[in-house]
Amino acid sequence: MSKKYEELTIHQKLESLIHDMVEKEIHLKEALAEFEKIYIETAASKYRANKSKMAQALGVHRNTLHNRFKALKIRKRK
């Protein structure tokens, strides 16, 4: 019997997602960039785009976060 999605560990959820991505032959570089972009966008939503709070929560320097916004072409949401 399989667990409900909510009951799976983060590792199990990622493993399932990664399996699907490998099956679809999504390149690692593309997968990592998409993961990072969604991760940062989700944090931006949670912290209302307050980069200082986001950086602290994500464990990166504020300047690094700013650079990732630019590199991943993440725009501020209004």
Protein backbone atom coordinates (compact mmCIF):
# COMPACT_ATOMS: atom_id res chain seq x y z
CA MET A 1 0.00 0.00 0.00
CA SER A 2 1.43 3.36 -0.96
CA LYS A 3 1.51 6.36 1.34
CA LYS A 4 -0.45 9.50 0.63
CA TYR A 5 1.69 12.25 -0.85
CA GLU A 6 1.43 14.30 2.36
CA GLU A 7 2.86 11.39 4.35
CA LEU A 8 5.99 11.04 2.22
CA THR A 9 9.30 12.43 3.42
CA ILE A 10 10.93 15.24 1.44
CA HIS A 11 13.46 12.68 0.20
CA GLN A 12 10.71 10.40 -1.10
CA LYS A 13 8.92 13.29 -2.79
CA LEU A 14 12.11 14.47 -4.48
CA GLU A 15 13.04 10.95 -5.48
CA SER A 16 9.70 10.53 -7.24
CA LEU A 17 10.00 13.88 -9.00
CA ILE A 18 13.58 13.19 -10.06
CA HIS A 19 12.59 9.79 -11.41
CA ASP A 20 9.99 11.47 -13.63
CA MET A 21 12.50 14.08 -14.78
CA VAL A 22 15.10 11.46 -15.69
CA GLU A 23 12.46 9.50 -17.59
CA LYS A 24 11.66 12.66 -19.57
CA GLU A 25 15.39 13.25 -20.15
CA ILE A 26 15.42 16.68 -18.54
CA HIS A 27 19.02 17.85 -18.28
CA LEU A 28 20.49 18.30 -14.82
CA LYS A 29 21.42 21.93 -15.47
CA GLU A 30 17.83 22.74 -16.46
CA ALA A 31 16.40 20.84 -13.50
CA LEU A 32 18.67 22.58 -11.00
CA ALA A 33 17.94 26.03 -12.41
CA GLU A 34 14.20 25.41 -12.34
CA PHE A 35 14.36 24.06 -8.78
CA GLU A 36 16.37 27.06 -7.60
CA LYS A 37 14.05 29.52 -9.34
CA ILE A 38 10.90 28.01 -7.83
CA TYR A 39 12.58 27.73 -4.43
CA ILE A 40 13.52 31.42 -4.45
CA GLU A 41 10.13 32.51 -5.82
CA THR A 42 8.40 30.57 -3.05
CA ALA A 43 10.60 32.21 -0.42
CA ALA A 44 9.95 35.61 -2.01
CA SER A 45 6.24 35.01 -1.65
CA LYS A 46 6.56 33.89 1.97
CA TYR A 47 8.78 36.81 2.97
CA ARG A 48 7.02 39.33 0.72
CA ALA A 49 10.21 39.82 -1.29
CA ASN A 50 12.14 41.06 1.76
CA LYS A 51 15.56 39.95 0.58
CA SER A 52 17.21 40.28 3.99
CA LYS A 53 14.68 37.92 5.59
CA MET A 54 14.81 35.61 2.58
CA ALA A 55 18.60 35.43 2.65
CA GLN A 56 18.61 34.62 6.34
CA ALA A 57 15.96 31.91 5.94
CA LEU A 58 17.73 30.39 2.92
CA GLY A 59 21.15 30.55 4.53
CA VAL A 60 22.79 32.74 1.90
CA HIS A 61 24.21 36.25 1.86
CA ARG A 62 21.83 38.96 0.67
CA ASN A 63 24.17 39.83 -2.22
CA THR A 64 24.21 36.19 -3.31
CA LEU A 65 20.43 36.17 -3.31
CA HIS A 66 20.35 39.38 -5.35
CA ASN A 67 22.73 37.81 -7.87
CA ARG A 68 20.58 34.67 -8.11
CA PHE A 69 17.51 36.85 -8.80
CA LYS A 70 19.38 38.40 -11.71
CA ALA A 71 20.89 35.16 -13.02
CA LEU A 72 17.58 33.31 -12.91
CA LYS A 73 15.66 36.32 -14.25
CA ILE A 74 13.32 36.41 -11.29
CA ARG A 75 11.27 39.57 -11.25
CA LYS A 76 9.80 41.14 -8.16
CA ARG A 77 6.10 40.54 -7.84
CA LYS A 78 3.91 43.48 -7.00
